[in-house]
């Protein structure tokens, strides 16, 4: 009789277990691949203490994990190629790729790899990680704002984030023309990821 009662309970137990699994899956970390055509890495420096000059890195690559329920499980790993720097002036671009600045021949990749993510408030996350430039890594903490999510016209599910921060290029050994070109570099990163 006891066995029969247990067997009668089995479908309910199974349904509960399946529901629990589905609930966890619904909030599991999602993997996104950066779309280089809709991801921007833009910077600005002050020239001669007078005006800001802007540039960008074309074709950023990388991935990020996003877990809305457990933000601490989120992460990002992205790269830009210093050879893809673009200031709309070819002569200046070539100089920036030289050993005076990015030394793209020896150190082509500028990378950021997160070590922790913490939710600050609705839609804003504190991301800490290591920024590597010219072969030197420094800890960097930024606040990233969730800019939206949804399907694009081709059915891909996308998610976006944006952050702005400032670094000192001299911290990475890039000290050519300090004074003429500001040490502080303002950077804005806007990422668009396609869910995999």
Protein backbone atom coordinates (compact mmCIF):
# COMPACT_ATOMS: atom_id res chain seq x y z
CA UNK A 1 0.00 0.00 0.00
CA UNK A 2 2.87 2.32 0.93
CA UNK A 3 4.60 1.56 -2.37
CA UNK A 4 1.41 2.34 -4.28
CA UNK A 5 1.06 5.71 -2.50
CA UNK A 6 4.66 6.58 -3.37
CA UNK A 7 4.09 5.61 -7.00
CA UNK A 8 1.00 7.80 -7.09
CA UNK A 9 3.09 10.75 -5.88
CA UNK A 10 5.79 10.19 -8.50
CA UNK A 11 4.18 12.22 -11.35
CA UNK A 12 3.75 15.22 -9.04
CA UNK A 13 7.35 14.98 -7.84
CA UNK A 14 8.60 14.64 -11.41
CA UNK A 15 6.58 17.69 -12.48
CA UNK A 16 8.03 19.71 -9.59
CA UNK A 17 11.60 18.71 -10.49
CA UNK A 18 11.07 19.59 -14.16
CA UNK A 19 9.55 22.95 -13.21
CA UNK A 20 12.54 23.70 -10.98
CA UNK A 21 14.97 22.82 -13.78
CA UNK A 22 13.10 24.97 -16.28
CA UNK A 23 12.99 27.88 -13.84
CA UNK A 24 16.76 27.73 -13.33
CA UNK A 25 17.35 27.41 -17.08
CA UNK A 26 15.21 30.47 -17.77
CA UNK A 27 17.55 32.60 -15.66
CA UNK A 28 20.84 30.91 -16.55
CA UNK A 29 23.71 32.99 -17.89
CA UNK A 30 23.30 33.76 -21.58
CA UNK A 31 26.26 33.90 -23.96
CA UNK A 32 26.50 36.82 -26.38
CA UNK A 33 28.96 37.36 -29.21
CA UNK A 34 29.91 40.96 -29.94
CA UNK A 35 28.69 42.29 -33.26
CA UNK A 36 31.70 44.29 -34.55
CA UNK A 37 29.51 46.31 -36.92
CA UNK A 38 27.36 47.64 -34.07
CA UNK A 39 29.93 47.75 -31.26
CA UNK A 40 31.88 50.99 -30.82
CA UNK A 41 35.11 51.84 -29.00
CA UNK A 42 35.63 55.59 -29.23
CA UNK A 43 38.27 57.68 -27.45
CA UNK A 44 39.28 61.31 -27.14
CA UNK A 45 42.47 63.12 -26.14
CA UNK A 46 43.18 66.80 -25.72
CA UNK A 47 45.62 68.21 -28.28
CA UNK A 48 47.94 71.07 -27.24
CA UNK A 49 45.65 71.79 -24.31
CA UNK A 50 43.18 73.38 -26.74
CA UNK A 51 40.82 70.94 -28.42
CA UNK A 52 39.66 67.35 -28.22
CA UNK A 53 40.61 64.94 -30.99
CA UNK A 54 38.51 61.80 -31.41
CA UNK A 55 39.35 58.36 -32.75
CA UNK A 56 37.91 54.88 -32.79
CA UNK A 57 38.92 51.23 -33.08
CA UNK A 58 37.10 49.43 -35.86
CA UNK A 59 36.03 45.80 -35.56
CA UNK A 60 36.01 45.06 -31.80
CA UNK A 61 35.58 41.36 -30.99
CA UNK A 62 34.72 39.27 -27.95
CA UNK A 63 31.96 37.67 -25.93
CA UNK A 64 30.04 38.35 -22.76
CA UNK A 65 27.91 36.30 -20.39
CA UNK A 66 24.87 37.93 -18.84
CA UNK A 67 22.95 36.46 -15.92
CA UNK A 68 20.10 38.75 -14.93
CA UNK A 69 19.21 36.73 -11.82
CA UNK A 70 22.81 36.27 -10.63
CA UNK A 71 24.83 39.23 -12.00
CA UNK A 72 27.99 37.96 -10.28
CA UNK A 73 28.04 35.13 -12.83
CA UNK A 74 28.20 37.65 -15.69
CA UNK A 75 31.49 38.41 -17.45
CA UNK A 76 33.01 40.01 -20.53
CA UNK A 77 36.13 39.34 -22.59
CA UNK A 78 36.76 41.75 -25.46
CA UNK A 79 39.58 42.85 -27.73
CA UNK A 80 40.41 45.59 -30.19
CA UNK A 81 43.23 45.49 -32.71
CA UNK A 82 45.49 48.55 -32.52
CA UNK A 83 46.03 48.18 -36.27
CA UNK A 84 42.36 49.14 -36.69
CA UNK A 85 42.71 52.58 -35.12
CA UNK A 86 40.85 55.21 -37.14
CA UNK A 87 41.07 58.98 -36.68
CA UNK A 88 40.09 59.78 -40.30
CA UNK A 89 43.67 60.98 -40.97
CA UNK A 90 45.86 58.25 -42.50
CA UNK A 91 49.19 59.89 -41.57
CA UNK A 92 48.12 60.24 -37.94
CA UNK A 93 46.76 56.67 -37.86
CA UNK A 94 50.12 55.33 -39.05
CA UNK A 95 51.95 57.33 -36.37
CA UNK A 96 49.60 56.02 -33.68
CA UNK A 97 50.38 52.44 -34.77
CA UNK A 98 54.12 53.09 -34.44
CA UNK A 99 56.31 52.39 -31.35
CA UNK A 100 55.73 56.00 -30.25
CA UNK A 101 52.18 55.10 -29.27
CA UNK A 102 50.44 51.70 -29.65
CA UNK A 103 53.39 49.79 -31.13
CA UNK A 104 50.89 47.66 -33.03
CA UNK A 105 53.60 45.53 -34.61
CA UNK A 106 54.65 44.12 -31.22
CA UNK A 107 51.45 44.54 -29.22
CA UNK A 108 48.52 44.45 -31.65
CA UNK A 109 45.77 43.62 -29.15
CA UNK A 110 44.23 45.81 -26.49
CA UNK A 111 42.13 43.58 -24.24
CA UNK A 112 39.75 43.77 -21.32
CA UNK A 113 38.82 40.68 -19.31
CA UNK A 114 36.46 41.04 -16.37
CA UNK A 115 37.09 39.50 -12.96
CA UNK A 116 33.83 40.50 -11.25
CA UNK A 117 30.42 41.99 -11.99
CA UNK A 118 28.10 43.55 -9.42
CA UNK A 119 24.65 45.05 -9.89
CA UNK A 120 24.47 48.62 -8.57
CA UNK A 121 20.85 49.45 -9.37
CA UNK A 122 18.26 48.81 -12.03
CA UNK A 123 20.14 48.61 -15.31
CA UNK A 124 23.60 49.59 -14.00
CA UNK A 125 26.43 47.16 -13.27
CA UNK A 126 29.89 47.64 -11.80
CA UNK A 127 32.41 45.71 -13.87
CA UNK A 128 35.97 45.15 -12.65
CA UNK A 129 38.68 43.55 -14.73
CA UNK A 130 42.12 43.83 -16.27
CA UNK A 131 42.87 46.20 -19.15
CA UNK A 132 45.96 45.17 -21.11
CA UNK A 133 47.72 47.67 -23.37
CA UNK A 134 51.30 47.53 -24.67
CA UNK A 135 51.72 44.26 -22.80
CA UNK A 136 50.94 45.85 -19.42
CA UNK A 137 47.83 45.04 -17.40
CA UNK A 138 46.09 47.29 -14.90
CA UNK A 139 42.93 46.84 -12.88
CA UNK A 140 39.98 48.84 -14.19
CA UNK A 141 36.52 49.33 -12.69
CA UNK A 142 33.71 50.84 -14.76
CA UNK A 143 29.96 51.31 -14.48
CA UNK A 144 28.12 49.77 -17.42
CA UNK A 145 24.54 50.73 -18.25
CA UNK A 146 22.17 48.25 -19.87
CA UNK A 147 20.93 50.05 -22.99
CA UNK A 148 18.33 47.56 -24.18
CA UNK A 149 17.50 44.10 -25.48
CA UNK A 150 15.25 42.53 -28.09
CA UNK A 151 15.10 40.96 -31.53
CA UNK A 152 16.55 42.65 -34.59
CA UNK A 153 14.83 42.51 -38.04
CA UNK A 154 16.62 39.21 -38.80
CA UNK A 155 15.40 37.45 -35.66
CA UNK A 156 18.63 37.68 -33.67
CA UNK A 157 18.20 38.45 -29.97
CA UNK A 158 20.51 41.31 -29.02
CA UNK A 159 21.56 42.96 -25.79
CA UNK A 160 23.47 46.21 -25.37
CA UNK A 161 25.58 47.95 -22.72
CA UNK A 162 27.53 51.21 -22.62
CA UNK A 163 30.23 52.62 -20.37
CA UNK A 164 32.47 55.70 -20.30
CA UNK A 165 35.69 55.99 -18.31
CA UNK A 166 39.12 57.63 -18.28
CA UNK A 167 42.61 56.10 -18.20
CA UNK A 168 46.12 57.53 -18.13
CA UNK A 169 48.13 56.31 -21.09
CA UNK A 170 51.38 56.80 -19.16
CA UNK A 171 50.29 54.00 -16.79
CA UNK A 172 50.86 51.63 -19.70
CA UNK A 173 54.17 53.15 -20.79
CA UNK A 174 52.69 55.30 -23.57
CA UNK A 175 54.44 58.56 -22.73
CA UNK A 176 55.35 60.03 -26.12
CA UNK A 177 54.38 63.72 -26.49
CA UNK A 178 52.95 64.02 -22.99
CA UNK A 179 51.84 67.63 -22.68
CA UNK A 180 51.26 68.05 -26.39
CA UNK A 181 48.81 65.15 -26.25
CA UNK A 182 46.99 64.68 -22.95
CA UNK A 183 47.88 61.85 -20.61
CA UNK A 184 44.20 61.32 -19.81
CA UNK A 185 42.24 59.44 -22.45
CA UNK A 186 38.45 59.41 -22.32
CA UNK A 187 36.93 56.20 -23.66
CA UNK A 188 33.34 55.23 -24.45
CA UNK A 189 32.50 51.60 -25.19
CA UNK A 190 29.06 50.65 -26.53
CA UNK A 191 28.57 46.93 -27.11
CA UNK A 192 25.92 45.05 -29.04
CA UNK A 193 25.91 41.31 -28.44
CA UNK A 194 24.00 38.60 -30.32
CA UNK A 195 22.75 35.75 -28.14
CA UNK A 196 24.27 32.43 -29.12
